Amino acid sequence: MFTVAETVILLIAVSILSWAFGWWSRGQVEAHEQWRNTPITVGEPEPPLVVTVRVGDTLWGIAREFYPSDRYDTRHVVEVIRRMNPDIDPGWLRPGEDVIYLPRFKDL
């Protein structure tokens, strides 16, 4: 089978590999602990765009004014505006009183 010298060399090689793997694993564990203990910072959310209703305004008109129809689907924009403003009656906008929140471009 193995001679005594071959057995000793094999044991030394296995020991060195075990030590190297343990040393590498230690670094991985330390890096993971450092990553786990790093606080997560979240930036301030961007406030929505705000529009005060003017005489003759409609949700469709506001959507077309702020989001050009060649780049955005006006129907989709109107639906997003309605979801962001659940307490506004789209058929009865009151000039000067209603403040309509509009989505940021990235939210569409």
PDB file of N, CA and C in Angstrom:
ATOM      1  N   MET A   1       0.831  -1.165   0.000  1.00  0.00           N
ATOM      2  CA  MET A   1       0.000   0.000   0.000  1.00  0.00           C
ATOM      3  C   MET A   1       0.889   1.247   0.000  1.00  0.00           C
ATOM      4  N   PHE A   2       0.903   2.029   1.087  1.00  0.00           N
ATOM      5  CA  PHE A   2       1.771   3.205   1.185  1.00  0.00           C
ATOM      6  C   PHE A   2       2.931   2.881   2.110  1.00  0.00           C
ATOM      7  N   THR A   3       4.058   3.457   1.784  1.00  0.00           N
ATOM      8  CA  THR A   3       5.194   3.342   2.698  1.00  0.00           C
ATOM      9  C   THR A   3       5.007   4.361   3.794  1.00  0.00           C
ATOM     10  N   VAL A   4       5.812   4.282   4.809  1.00  0.00           N
ATOM     11  CA  VAL A   4       5.730   5.229   5.924  1.00  0.00           C
ATOM     12  C   VAL A   4       6.003   6.644   5.420  1.00  0.00           C
ATOM     13  N   ALA A   5       6.975   6.820   4.564  1.00  0.00           N
ATOM     14  CA  ALA A   5       7.318   8.146   4.035  1.00  0.00           C
ATOM     15  C   ALA A   5       6.154   8.716   3.220  1.00  0.00           C
ATOM     16  N   GLU A   6       5.539   7.886   2.386  1.00  0.00           N
ATOM     17  CA  GLU A   6       4.401   8.350   1.590  1.00  0.00           C
ATOM     18  C   GLU A   6       3.218   8.725   2.485  1.00  0.00           C
ATOM     19  N   THR A   7       2.992   7.974   3.525  1.00  0.00           N
ATOM     20  CA  THR A   7       1.912   8.275   4.465  1.00  0.00           C
ATOM     21  C   THR A   7       2.165   9.597   5.160  1.00  0.00           C
ATOM     22  N   VAL A   8       3.391   9.838   5.590  1.00  0.00           N
ATOM     23  CA  VAL A   8       3.738  11.096   6.265  1.00  0.00           C
ATOM     24  C   VAL A   8       3.562  12.269   5.302  1.00  0.00           C
ATOM     25  N   ILE A   9       4.043  12.117   4.078  1.00  0.00           N
ATOM     26  CA  ILE A   9       3.902  13.193   3.080  1.00  0.00           C
ATOM     27  C   ILE A   9       2.423  13.452   2.796  1.00  0.00           C
ATOM     28  N   LEU A  10       1.633  12.415   2.671  1.00  0.00           N
ATOM     29  CA  LEU A  10       0.197  12.562   2.434  1.00  0.00           C
ATOM     30  C   LEU A  10      -0.483  13.274   3.599  1.00  0.00           C
ATOM     31  N   LEU A  11      -0.136  12.913   4.830  1.00  0.00           N
ATOM     32  CA  LEU A  11      -0.713  13.578   6.007  1.00  0.00           C
ATOM     33  C   LEU A  11      -0.313  15.047   6.058  1.00  0.00           C
ATOM     34  N   ILE A  12       0.935  15.350   5.730  1.00  0.00           N
ATOM     35  CA  ILE A  12       1.392  16.750   5.721  1.00  0.00           C
ATOM     36  C   ILE A  12       0.637  17.532   4.645  1.00  0.00           C
ATOM     37  N   ALA A  13       0.467  16.953   3.456  1.00  0.00           N
ATOM     38  CA  ALA A  13      -0.247  17.631   2.375  1.00  0.00           C
ATOM     39  C   ALA A  13      -1.701  17.893   2.760  1.00  0.00           C
ATOM     40  N   VAL A  14      -2.356  16.904   3.348  1.00  0.00           N
ATOM     41  CA  VAL A  14      -3.749  17.073   3.783  1.00  0.00           C
ATOM     42  C   VAL A  14      -3.834  18.133   4.876  1.00  0.00           C
ATOM     43  N   SER A  15      -2.892  18.151   5.781  1.00  0.00           N
ATOM     44  CA  SER A  15      -2.877  19.152   6.854  1.00  0.00           C
ATOM     45  C   SER A  15      -2.712  20.552   6.288  1.00  0.00           C
ATOM     46  N   ILE A  16      -1.799  20.710   5.331  1.00  0.00           N
ATOM     47  CA  ILE A  16      -1.579  22.029   4.719  1.00  0.00           C
ATOM     48  C   ILE A  16      -2.834  22.480   3.979  1.00  0.00           C
ATOM     49  N   LEU A  17      -3.453  21.588   3.221  1.00  0.00           N
ATOM     50  CA  LEU A  17      -4.683  21.943   2.510  1.00  0.00           C
ATOM     51  C   LEU A  17      -5.811  22.296   3.477  1.00  0.00           C
ATOM     52  N   SER A  18      -5.933  21.556   4.559  1.00  0.00           N
ATOM     53  CA  SER A  18      -6.964  21.855   5.563  1.00  0.00           C
ATOM     54  C   SER A  18      -6.720  23.211   6.197  1.00  0.00           C
ATOM     55  N   TRP A  19      -5.464  23.488   6.518  1.00  0.00           N
ATOM     56  CA  TRP A  19      -5.122  24.779   7.119  1.00  0.00           C
ATOM     57  C   TRP A  19      -5.427  25.915   6.141  1.00  0.00           C
ATOM     58  N   ALA A  20      -5.043  25.743   4.861  1.00  0.00           N
ATOM     59  CA  ALA A  20      -5.280  26.784   3.856  1.00  0.00           C
ATOM     60  C   ALA A  20      -6.781  27.019   3.673  1.00  0.00           C
ATOM     61  N   PHE A  21      -7.557  25.953   3.608  1.00  0.00           N
ATOM     62  CA  PHE A  21      -9.002  26.100   3.458  1.00  0.00           C
ATOM     63  C   PHE A  21      -9.607  26.787   4.679  1.00  0.00           C
ATOM     64  N   GLY A  22      -9.141  26.420   5.860  1.00  0.00           N
ATOM     65  CA  GLY A  22      -9.623  27.062   7.085  1.00  0.00           C
ATOM     66  C   GLY A  22      -9.291  28.545   7.114  1.00  0.00           C
ATOM     67  N   TRP A  23      -8.102  28.890   6.678  1.00  0.00           N
ATOM     68  CA  TRP A  23      -7.693  30.301   6.642  1.00  0.00           C
ATOM     69  C   TRP A  23      -8.558  31.075   5.649  1.00  0.00           C
ATOM     70  N   TRP A  24      -8.791  30.489   4.481  1.00  0.00           N
ATOM     71  CA  TRP A  24      -9.631  31.134   3.477  1.00  0.00           C
ATOM     72  C   TRP A  24     -11.063  31.282   3.999  1.00  0.00           C
ATOM     73  N   SER A  25     -11.600  30.240   4.626  1.00  0.00           N
ATOM     74  CA  SER A  25     -12.962  30.284   5.166  1.00  0.00           C
ATOM     75  C   SER A  25     -13.096  31.351   6.235  1.00  0.00           C
ATOM     76  N   ARG A  26     -12.072  31.504   7.053  1.00  0.00           N
ATOM     77  CA  ARG A  26     -12.098  32.522   8.106  1.00  0.00           C
ATOM     78  C   ARG A  26     -12.287  33.905   7.487  1.00  0.00           C
ATOM     79  N   GLY A  27     -11.571  34.165   6.397  1.00  0.00           N
ATOM     80  CA  GLY A  27     -11.718  35.450   5.708  1.00  0.00           C
ATOM     81  C   GLY A  27     -13.115  35.638   5.157  1.00  0.00           C
ATOM     82  N   GLN A  28     -13.700  34.558   4.648  1.00  0.00           N
ATOM     83  CA  GLN A  28     -15.055  34.638   4.117  1.00  0.00           C
ATOM     84  C   GLN A  28     -16.061  34.939   5.222  1.00  0.00           C
ATOM     85  N   VAL A  29     -15.900  34.307   6.362  1.00  0.00           N
ATOM     86  CA  VAL A  29     -16.804  34.528   7.493  1.00  0.00           C
ATOM     87  C   VAL A  29     -16.665  35.959   7.996  1.00  0.00           C
ATOM     88  N   GLU A  30     -15.441  36.457   8.110  1.00  0.00           N
ATOM     89  CA  GLU A  30     -15.235  37.832   8.567  1.00  0.00           C
ATOM     90  C   GLU A  30     -15.842  38.826   7.586  1.00  0.00           C
ATOM     91  N   ALA A  31     -15.664  38.578   6.299  1.00  0.00           N
ATOM     92  CA  ALA A  31     -16.247  39.471   5.293  1.00  0.00           C
ATOM     93  C   ALA A  31     -17.770  39.447   5.381  1.00  0.00           C
ATOM     94  N   HIS A  32     -18.338  38.266   5.589  1.00  0.00           N
ATOM     95  CA  HIS A  32     -19.795  38.156   5.708  1.00  0.00           C
ATOM     96  C   HIS A  32     -20.296  38.892   6.952  1.00  0.00           C
ATOM     97  N   GLU A  33     -19.596  38.743   8.059  1.00  0.00           N
ATOM     98  CA  GLU A  33     -19.995  39.438   9.290  1.00  0.00           C
ATOM     99  C   GLU A  33     -19.920  40.950   9.099  1.00  0.00           C
ATOM    100  N   GLN A  34     -18.877  41.413   8.436  1.00  0.00           N
ATOM    101  CA  GLN A  34     -18.748  42.851   8.192  1.00  0.00           C
ATOM    102  C   GLN A  34     -19.891  43.322   7.298  1.00  0.00           C
ATOM    103  N   TRP A  35     -20.221  42.549   6.278  1.00  0.00           N
ATOM    104  CA  TRP A  35     -21.317  42.906   5.390  1.00  0.00           C
ATOM    105  C   TRP A  35     -22.644  42.915   6.140  1.00  0.00           C
ATOM    106  N   ARG A  36     -22.877  41.907   7.007  1.00  0.00           N
ATOM    107  CA  ARG A  36     -24.132  41.835   7.767  1.00  0.00           C
ATOM    108  C   ARG A  36     -24.286  42.998   8.721  1.00  0.00           C
ATOM    109  N   ASN A  37     -23.184  43.492   9.270  1.00  0.00           N
ATOM    110  CA  ASN A  37     -23.246  44.564  10.260  1.00  0.00           C
ATOM    111  C   ASN A  37     -23.220  45.950   9.636  1.00  0.00           C
ATOM    112  N   THR A  38     -23.180  46.040   8.314  1.00  0.00           N
ATOM    113  CA  THR A  38     -23.197  47.333   7.644  1.00  0.00           C
ATOM    114  C   THR A  38     -24.638  47.830   7.597  1.00  0.00           C
ATOM    115  N   PRO A  39     -24.896  49.030   8.117  1.00  0.00           N
ATOM    116  CA  PRO A  39     -26.275  49.527   8.091  1.00  0.00           C
ATOM    117  C   PRO A  39     -26.722  49.832   6.664  1.00  0.00           C
ATOM    118  N   ILE A  40     -27.981  49.589   6.415  1.00  0.00           N
ATOM    119  CA  ILE A  40     -28.556  49.874   5.106  1.00  0.00           C
ATOM    120  C   ILE A  40     -29.102  51.293   5.141  1.00  0.00           C
ATOM    121  N   THR A  41     -28.666  52.094   4.197  1.00  0.00           N
ATOM    122  CA  THR A  41     -29.158  53.465   4.134  1.00  0.00           C
ATOM    123  C   THR A  41     -30.060  53.598   2.914  1.00  0.00           C
ATOM    124  N   VAL A  42     -31.174  54.216   3.125  1.00  0.00           N
ATOM    125  CA  VAL A  42     -32.139  54.426   2.057  1.00  0.00           C
ATOM    126  C   VAL A  42     -32.292  55.921   1.874  1.00  0.00           C
ATOM    127  N   GLY A  43     -32.186  56.357   0.641  1.00  0.00           N
ATOM    128  CA  GLY A  43     -32.336  57.778   0.360  1.00  0.00           C
ATOM    129  C   GLY A  43     -33.778  58.228   0.534  1.00  0.00           C
ATOM    130  N   GLU A  44     -33.934  59.509   0.606  1.00  0.00           N
ATOM    131  CA  GLU A  44     -35.277  60.078   0.717  1.00  0.00           C
ATOM    132  C   GLU A  44     -36.044  59.801  -0.578  1.00  0.00           C
ATOM    133  N   PRO A  45     -37.285  59.358  -0.477  1.00  0.00           N
ATOM    134  CA  PRO A  45     -38.059  59.151  -1.697  1.00  0.00           C
ATOM    135  C   PRO A  45     -38.375  60.493  -2.348  1.00  0.00           C
ATOM    136  N   GLU A  46     -38.389  60.484  -3.665  1.00  0.00           N
ATOM    137  CA  GLU A  46     -38.711  61.722  -4.368  1.00  0.00           C
ATOM    138  C   GLU A  46     -40.193  62.033  -4.176  1.00  0.00           C
ATOM    139  N   PRO A  47     -40.499  63.279  -3.842  1.00  0.00           N
ATOM    140  CA  PRO A  47     -41.919  63.627  -3.715  1.00  0.00           C
ATOM    141  C   PRO A  47     -42.563  63.642  -5.100  1.00  0.00           C
ATOM    142  N   PRO A  48     -43.853  63.369  -5.171  1.00  0.00           N
ATOM    143  CA  PRO A  48     -44.512  63.402  -6.476  1.00  0.00           C
ATOM    144  C   PRO A  48     -44.617  64.834  -6.987  1.00  0.00           C
ATOM    145  N   LEU A  49     -44.790  64.975  -8.279  1.00  0.00           N
ATOM    146  CA  LEU A  49     -45.051  66.293  -8.848  1.00  0.00           C
ATOM    147  C   LEU A  49     -46.449  66.715  -8.409  1.00  0.00           C
ATOM    148  N   VAL A  50     -46.640  67.992  -8.165  1.00  0.00           N
ATOM    149  CA  VAL A  50     -47.928  68.484  -7.672  1.00  0.00           C
ATOM    150  C   VAL A  50     -48.471  69.524  -8.646  1.00  0.00           C
ATOM    151  N   VAL A  51     -49.756  69.413  -8.960  1.00  0.00           N
ATOM    152  CA  VAL A  51     -50.414  70.347  -9.870  1.00  0.00           C
ATOM    153  C   VAL A  51     -51.693  70.834  -9.206  1.00  0.00           C
ATOM    154  N   THR A  52     -51.925  72.138  -9.271  1.00  0.00           N
ATOM    155  CA  THR A  52     -53.197  72.696  -8.805  1.00  0.00           C
ATOM    156  C   THR A  52     -54.109  72.824 -10.020  1.00  0.00           C
ATOM    157  N   VAL A  53     -55.332  72.376  -9.876  1.00  0.00           N
ATOM    158  CA  VAL A  53     -56.284  72.363 -10.989  1.00  0.00           C
ATOM    159  C   VAL A  53     -56.617  73.789 -11.411  1.00  0.00           C
ATOM    160  N   ARG A  54     -56.630  74.003 -12.739  1.00  0.00           N
ATOM    161  CA  ARG A  54     -57.029  75.296 -13.310  1.00  0.00           C
ATOM    162  C   ARG A  54     -58.382  75.132 -13.999  1.00  0.00           C
ATOM    163  N   VAL A  55     -58.990  76.242 -14.328  1.00  0.00           N
ATOM    164  CA  VAL A  55     -60.285  76.211 -15.018  1.00  0.00           C
ATOM    165  C   VAL A  55     -60.133  75.437 -16.329  1.00  0.00           C
ATOM    166  N   GLY A  56     -61.024  74.492 -16.551  1.00  0.00           N
ATOM    167  CA  GLY A  56     -61.031  73.718 -17.786  1.00  0.00           C
ATOM    168  C   GLY A  56     -60.135  72.493 -17.779  1.00  0.00           C
ATOM    169  N   ASP A  57     -59.390  72.260 -16.697  1.00  0.00           N
ATOM    170  CA  ASP A  57     -58.502  71.099 -16.634  1.00  0.00           C
ATOM    171  C   ASP A  57     -59.287  69.797 -16.533  1.00  0.00           C
ATOM    172  N   THR A  58     -58.751  68.780 -17.156  1.00  0.00           N
ATOM    173  CA  THR A  58     -59.239  67.409 -17.018  1.00  0.00           C
ATOM    174  C   THR A  58     -58.026  66.533 -16.734  1.00  0.00           C
ATOM    175  N   LEU A  59     -58.261  65.347 -16.212  1.00  0.00           N
ATOM    176  CA  LEU A  59     -57.132  64.442 -15.986  1.00  0.00           C
ATOM    177  C   LEU A  59     -56.446  64.105 -17.306  1.00  0.00           C
ATOM    178  N   TRP A  60     -57.235  63.930 -18.345  1.00  0.00           N
ATOM    179  CA  TRP A  60     -56.667  63.623 -19.655  1.00  0.00           C
ATOM    180  C   TRP A  60     -55.768  64.773 -20.124  1.00  0.00           C
ATOM    181  N   GLY A  61     -56.258  65.997 -19.973  1.00  0.00           N
ATOM    182  CA  GLY A  61     -55.478  67.165 -20.395  1.00  0.00           C
ATOM    183  C   GLY A  61     -54.202  67.327 -19.579  1.00  0.00           C
ATOM    184  N   ILE A  62     -54.305  67.098 -18.270  1.00  0.00           N
ATOM    185  CA  ILE A  62     -53.117  67.188 -17.407  1.00  0.00           C
ATOM    186  C   ILE A  62     -52.112  66.113 -17.804  1.00  0.00           C
ATOM    187  N   ALA A  63     -52.601  64.903 -18.057  1.00  0.00           N
ATOM    188  CA  ALA A  63     -51.705  63.816 -18.463  1.00  0.00           C
ATOM    189  C   ALA A  63     -51.003  64.157 -19.771  1.00  0.00           C
ATOM    190  N   ARG A  64     -51.720  64.710 -20.735  1.00  0.00           N
ATOM    191  CA  ARG A  64     -51.114  65.061 -22.031  1.00  0.00           C
ATOM    192  C   ARG A  64     -50.150  66.232 -21.889  1.00  0.00           C
ATOM    193  N   GLU A  65     -50.448  67.166 -20.971  1.00  0.00           N
ATOM    194  CA  GLU A  65     -49.579  68.336 -20.788  1.00  0.00           C
ATOM    195  C   GLU A  65     -48.226  67.943 -20.193  1.00  0.00           C
ATOM    196  N   PHE A  66     -48.235  67.067 -19.216  1.00  0.00           N
ATOM    197  CA  PHE A  66     -47.000  66.716 -18.512  1.00  0.00           C
ATOM    198  C   PHE A  66     -46.297  65.488 -19.080  1.00  0.00           C
ATOM    199  N   TYR A  67     -47.025  64.642 -19.795  1.00  0.00           N
ATOM    200  CA  TYR A  67     -46.458  63.405 -20.337  1.00  0.00           C
ATOM    201  C   TYR A  67     -46.840  63.313 -21.809  1.00  0.00           C
ATOM    202  N   PRO A  68     -45.973  63.753 -22.706  1.00  0.00           N
ATOM    203  CA  PRO A  68     -46.302  63.790 -24.140  1.00  0.00           C
ATOM    204  C   PRO A  68     -46.767  62.430 -24.658  1.00  0.00           C
ATOM    205  N   SER A  69     -47.824  62.450 -25.470  1.00  0.00           N
ATOM    206  CA  SER A  69     -48.413  61.192 -25.938  1.00  0.00           C
ATOM    207  C   SER A  69     -47.519  60.450 -26.922  1.00  0.00           C
ATOM    208  N   ASP A  70     -46.497  61.113 -27.461  1.00  0.00           N
ATOM    209  CA  ASP A  70     -45.586  60.387 -28.349  1.00  0.00           C
ATOM    210  C   ASP A  70     -44.608  59.522 -27.552  1.00  0.00           C
ATOM    211  N   ARG A  71     -44.531  59.752 -26.237  1.00  0.00           N
ATOM    212  CA  ARG A  71     -43.633  58.954 -25.391  1.00  0.00           C
ATOM    213  C   ARG A  71     -44.380  58.118 -24.359  1.00  0.00           C
ATOM    214  N   TYR A  72     -45.583  58.545 -23.986  1.00  0.00           N
ATOM    215  CA  TYR A  72     -46.339  57.857 -22.938  1.00  0.00           C
ATOM    216  C   TYR A  72     -47.758  57.586 -23.414  1.00  0.00           C
ATOM    217  N   ASP A  73     -48.316  56.475 -22.978  1.00  0.00           N
ATOM    218  CA  ASP A  73     -49.705  56.142 -23.272  1.00  0.00           C
ATOM    219  C   ASP A  73     -50.579  56.944 -22.315  1.00  0.00           C
ATOM    220  N   THR A  74     -51.344  57.879 -22.854  1.00  0.00           N
ATOM    221  CA  THR A  74     -52.142  58.782 -22.023  1.00  0.00           C
ATOM    222  C   THR A  74     -53.123  58.018 -21.149  1.00  0.00           C
ATOM    223  N   ARG A  75     -53.700  56.930 -21.657  1.00  0.00           N
ATOM    224  CA  ARG A  75     -54.637  56.140 -20.846  1.00  0.00           C
ATOM    225  C   ARG A  75     -53.950  55.592 -19.599  1.00  0.00           C
ATOM    226  N   HIS A  76     -52.729  55.105 -19.787  1.00  0.00           N
ATOM    227  CA  HIS A  76     -51.974  54.563 -18.648  1.00  0.00           C
ATOM    228  C   HIS A  76     -51.639  55.672 -17.652  1.00  0.00           C
ATOM    229  N   VAL A  77     -51.216  56.828 -18.153  1.00  0.00           N
ATOM    230  CA  VAL A  77     -50.870  57.948 -17.266  1.00  0.00           C
ATOM    231  C   VAL A  77     -52.090  58.373 -16.460  1.00  0.00           C
ATOM    232  N   VAL A  78     -53.255  58.474 -17.104  1.00  0.00           N
ATOM    233  CA  VAL A  78     -54.483  58.857 -16.392  1.00  0.00           C
ATOM    234  C   VAL A  78     -54.794  57.831 -15.304  1.00  0.00           C
ATOM    235  N   GLU A  79     -54.634  56.556 -15.604  1.00  0.00           N
ATOM    236  CA  GLU A  79     -54.900  55.513 -14.608  1.00  0.00           C
ATOM    237  C   GLU A  79     -53.947  55.632 -13.420  1.00  0.00           C
ATOM    238  N   VAL A  80     -52.674  55.903 -13.675  1.00  0.00           N
ATOM    239  CA  VAL A  80     -51.700  56.072 -12.586  1.00  0.00           C
ATOM    240  C   VAL A  80     -52.060  57.297 -11.748  1.00  0.00           C
ATOM    241  N   ILE A  81     -52.442  58.390 -12.402  1.00  0.00           N
ATOM    242  CA  ILE A  81     -52.840  59.605 -11.670  1.00  0.00           C
ATOM    243  C   ILE A  81     -54.061  59.306 -10.799  1.00  0.00           C
ATOM    244  N   ARG A  82     -55.030  58.571 -11.327  1.00  0.00           N
ATOM    245  CA  ARG A  82     -56.235  58.237 -10.540  1.00  0.00           C
ATOM    246  C   ARG A  82     -55.885  57.395  -9.322  1.00  0.00           C
ATOM    247  N   ARG A  83     -54.946  56.439  -9.491  1.00  0.00           N
ATOM    248  CA  ARG A  83     -54.544  55.613  -8.347  1.00  0.00           C
ATOM    249  C   ARG A  83     -53.803  56.434  -7.298  1.00  0.00           C
ATOM    250  N   MET A  84     -53.058  57.437  -7.738  1.00  0.00           N
ATOM    251  CA  MET A  84     -52.316  58.270  -6.784  1.00  0.00           C
ATOM    252  C   MET A  84     -53.221  59.279  -6.080  1.00  0.00           C
ATOM    253  N   ASN A  85     -54.400  59.533  -6.622  1.00  0.00           N
ATOM    254  CA  ASN A  85     -55.329  60.524  -6.078  1.00  0.00           C
ATOM    255  C   ASN A  85     -56.714  59.908  -5.906  1.00  0.00           C
ATOM    256  N   PRO A  86     -56.863  58.944  -4.992  1.00  0.00           N
ATOM    257  CA  PRO A  86     -58.137  58.229  -4.886  1.00  0.00           C
ATOM    258  C   PRO A  86     -59.302  59.100  -4.420  1.00  0.00           C
ATOM    259  N   ASP A  87     -59.036  60.214  -3.744  1.00  0.00           N
ATOM    260  CA  ASP A  87     -60.129  61.040  -3.221  1.00  0.00           C
ATOM    261  C   ASP A  87     -60.571  62.136  -4.190  1.00  0.00           C
ATOM    262  N   ILE A  88     -60.000  62.180  -5.384  1.00  0.00           N
ATOM    263  CA  ILE A  88     -60.402  63.192  -6.363  1.00  0.00           C
ATOM    264  C   ILE A  88     -61.371  62.558  -7.354  1.00  0.00           C
ATOM    265  N   ASP A  89     -62.494  63.232  -7.585  1.00  0.00           N
ATOM    266  CA  ASP A  89     -63.474  62.769  -8.567  1.00  0.00           C
ATOM    267  C   ASP A  89     -63.048  63.299  -9.934  1.00  0.00           C
ATOM    268  N   PRO A  90     -62.615  62.420 -10.850  1.00  0.00           N
ATOM    269  CA  PRO A  90     -62.110  62.897 -12.134  1.00  0.00           C
ATOM    270  C   PRO A  90     -63.163  63.623 -12.975  1.00  0.00           C
ATOM    271  N   GLY A  91     -64.422  63.398 -12.695  1.00  0.00           N
ATOM    272  CA  GLY A  91     -65.476  64.083 -13.439  1.00  0.00           C
ATOM    273  C   GLY A  91     -65.853  65.432 -12.843  1.00  0.00           C
ATOM    274  N   TRP A  92     -65.289  65.783 -11.710  1.00  0.00           N
ATOM    275  CA  TRP A  92     -65.666  67.014 -11.027  1.00  0.00           C
ATOM    276  C   TRP A  92     -64.429  67.649 -10.388  1.00  0.00           C
ATOM    277  N   LEU A  93     -63.500  68.107 -11.209  1.00  0.00           N
ATOM    278  CA  LEU A  93     -62.295  68.773 -10.700  1.00  0.00           C
ATOM    279  C   LEU A  93     -62.634  70.221 -10.377  1.00  0.00           C
ATOM    280  N   ARG A  94     -62.239  70.675  -9.207  1.00  0.00           N
ATOM    281  CA  ARG A  94     -62.524  72.038  -8.762  1.00  0.00           C
ATOM    282  C   ARG A  94     -61.267  72.889  -8.912  1.00  0.00           C
ATOM    283  N   PRO A  95     -61.292  73.899  -9.766  1.00  0.00           N
ATOM    284  CA  PRO A  95     -60.119  74.747  -9.981  1.00  0.00           C
ATOM    285  C   PRO A  95     -59.647  75.400  -8.685  1.00  0.00           C
ATOM    286  N   GLY A  96     -58.342  75.388  -8.485  1.00  0.00           N
ATOM    287  CA  GLY A  96     -57.731  76.036  -7.328  1.00  0.00           C
ATOM    288  C   GLY A  96     -57.793  75.237  -6.051  1.00  0.00           C
ATOM    289  N   GLU A  97     -58.679  74.311  -5.933  1.00  0.00           N
ATOM    290  CA  GLU A  97     -58.835  73.571  -4.683  1.00  0.00           C
ATOM    291  C   GLU A  97     -58.129  72.222  -4.703  1.00  0.00           C
ATOM    292  N   ASP A  98     -58.293  71.493  -5.776  1.00  0.00           N
ATOM    293  CA  ASP A  98     -57.723  70.153  -5.833  1.00  0.00           C
ATOM    294  C   ASP A  98     -56.243  70.213  -6.188  1.00  0.00           C
ATOM    295  N   VAL A  99     -55.461  69.493  -5.430  1.00  0.00           N
ATOM    296  CA  VAL A  99     -54.050  69.327  -5.748  1.00  0.00           C
ATOM    297  C   VAL A  99     -53.895  67.902  -6.253  1.00  0.00           C
ATOM    298  N   ILE A 100     -53.358  67.772  -7.447  1.00  0.00           N
ATOM    299  CA  ILE A 100     -53.214  66.452  -8.049  1.00  0.00           C
ATOM    300  C   ILE A 100     -51.748  66.057  -8.018  1.00  0.00           C
ATOM    301  N   TYR A 101     -51.497  64.862  -7.506  1.00  0.00           N
ATOM    302  CA  TYR A 101     -50.142  64.323  -7.469  1.00  0.00           C
ATOM    303  C   TYR A 101     -49.896  63.552  -8.752  1.00  0.00           C
ATOM    304  N   LEU A 102     -48.793  63.879  -9.405  1.00  0.00           N
ATOM    305  CA  LEU A 102     -48.428  63.214 -10.648  1.00  0.00           C
ATOM    306  C   LEU A 102     -47.236  62.300 -10.409  1.00  0.00           C
ATOM    307  N   PRO A 103     -47.184  61.189 -11.116  1.00  0.00           N
ATOM    308  CA  PRO A 103     -46.046  60.279 -10.946  1.00  0.00           C
ATOM    309  C   PRO A 103     -44.778  60.859 -11.565  1.00  0.00           C
ATOM    310  N   ARG A 104     -43.638  60.459 -11.011  1.00  0.00           N
ATOM    311  CA  ARG A 104     -42.354  60.795 -11.631  1.00  0.00           C
ATOM    312  C   ARG A 104     -42.228  59.957 -12.896  1.00  0.00           C
ATOM    313  N   PHE A 105     -41.422  60.413 -13.823  1.00  0.00           N
ATOM    314  CA  PHE A 105     -41.269  59.694 -15.091  1.00  0.00           C
ATOM    315  C   PHE A 105     -40.844  58.248 -14.878  1.00  0.00           C
ATOM    316  N   LYS A 106     -39.979  58.004 -13.892  1.00  0.00           N
ATOM    317  CA  LYS A 106     -39.485  56.647 -13.670  1.00  0.00           C
ATOM    318  C   LYS A 106     -40.565  55.727 -13.102  1.00  0.00           C
ATOM    319  N   ASP A 107     -41.671  56.300 -12.567  1.00  0.00           N
ATOM    320  CA  ASP A 107     -42.738  55.494 -11.978  1.00  0.00           C
ATOM    321  C   ASP A 107     -43.758  55.018 -13.011  1.00  0.00           C
ATOM    322  N   LEU A 108     -43.606  55.439 -14.251  1.00  0.00           N
ATOM    323  CA  LEU A 108     -44.591  55.065 -15.279  1.00  0.00           C
ATOM    324  C   LEU A 108     -44.227  53.783 -15.960  1.00  0.00           C
TER     325      LEU A 108
END
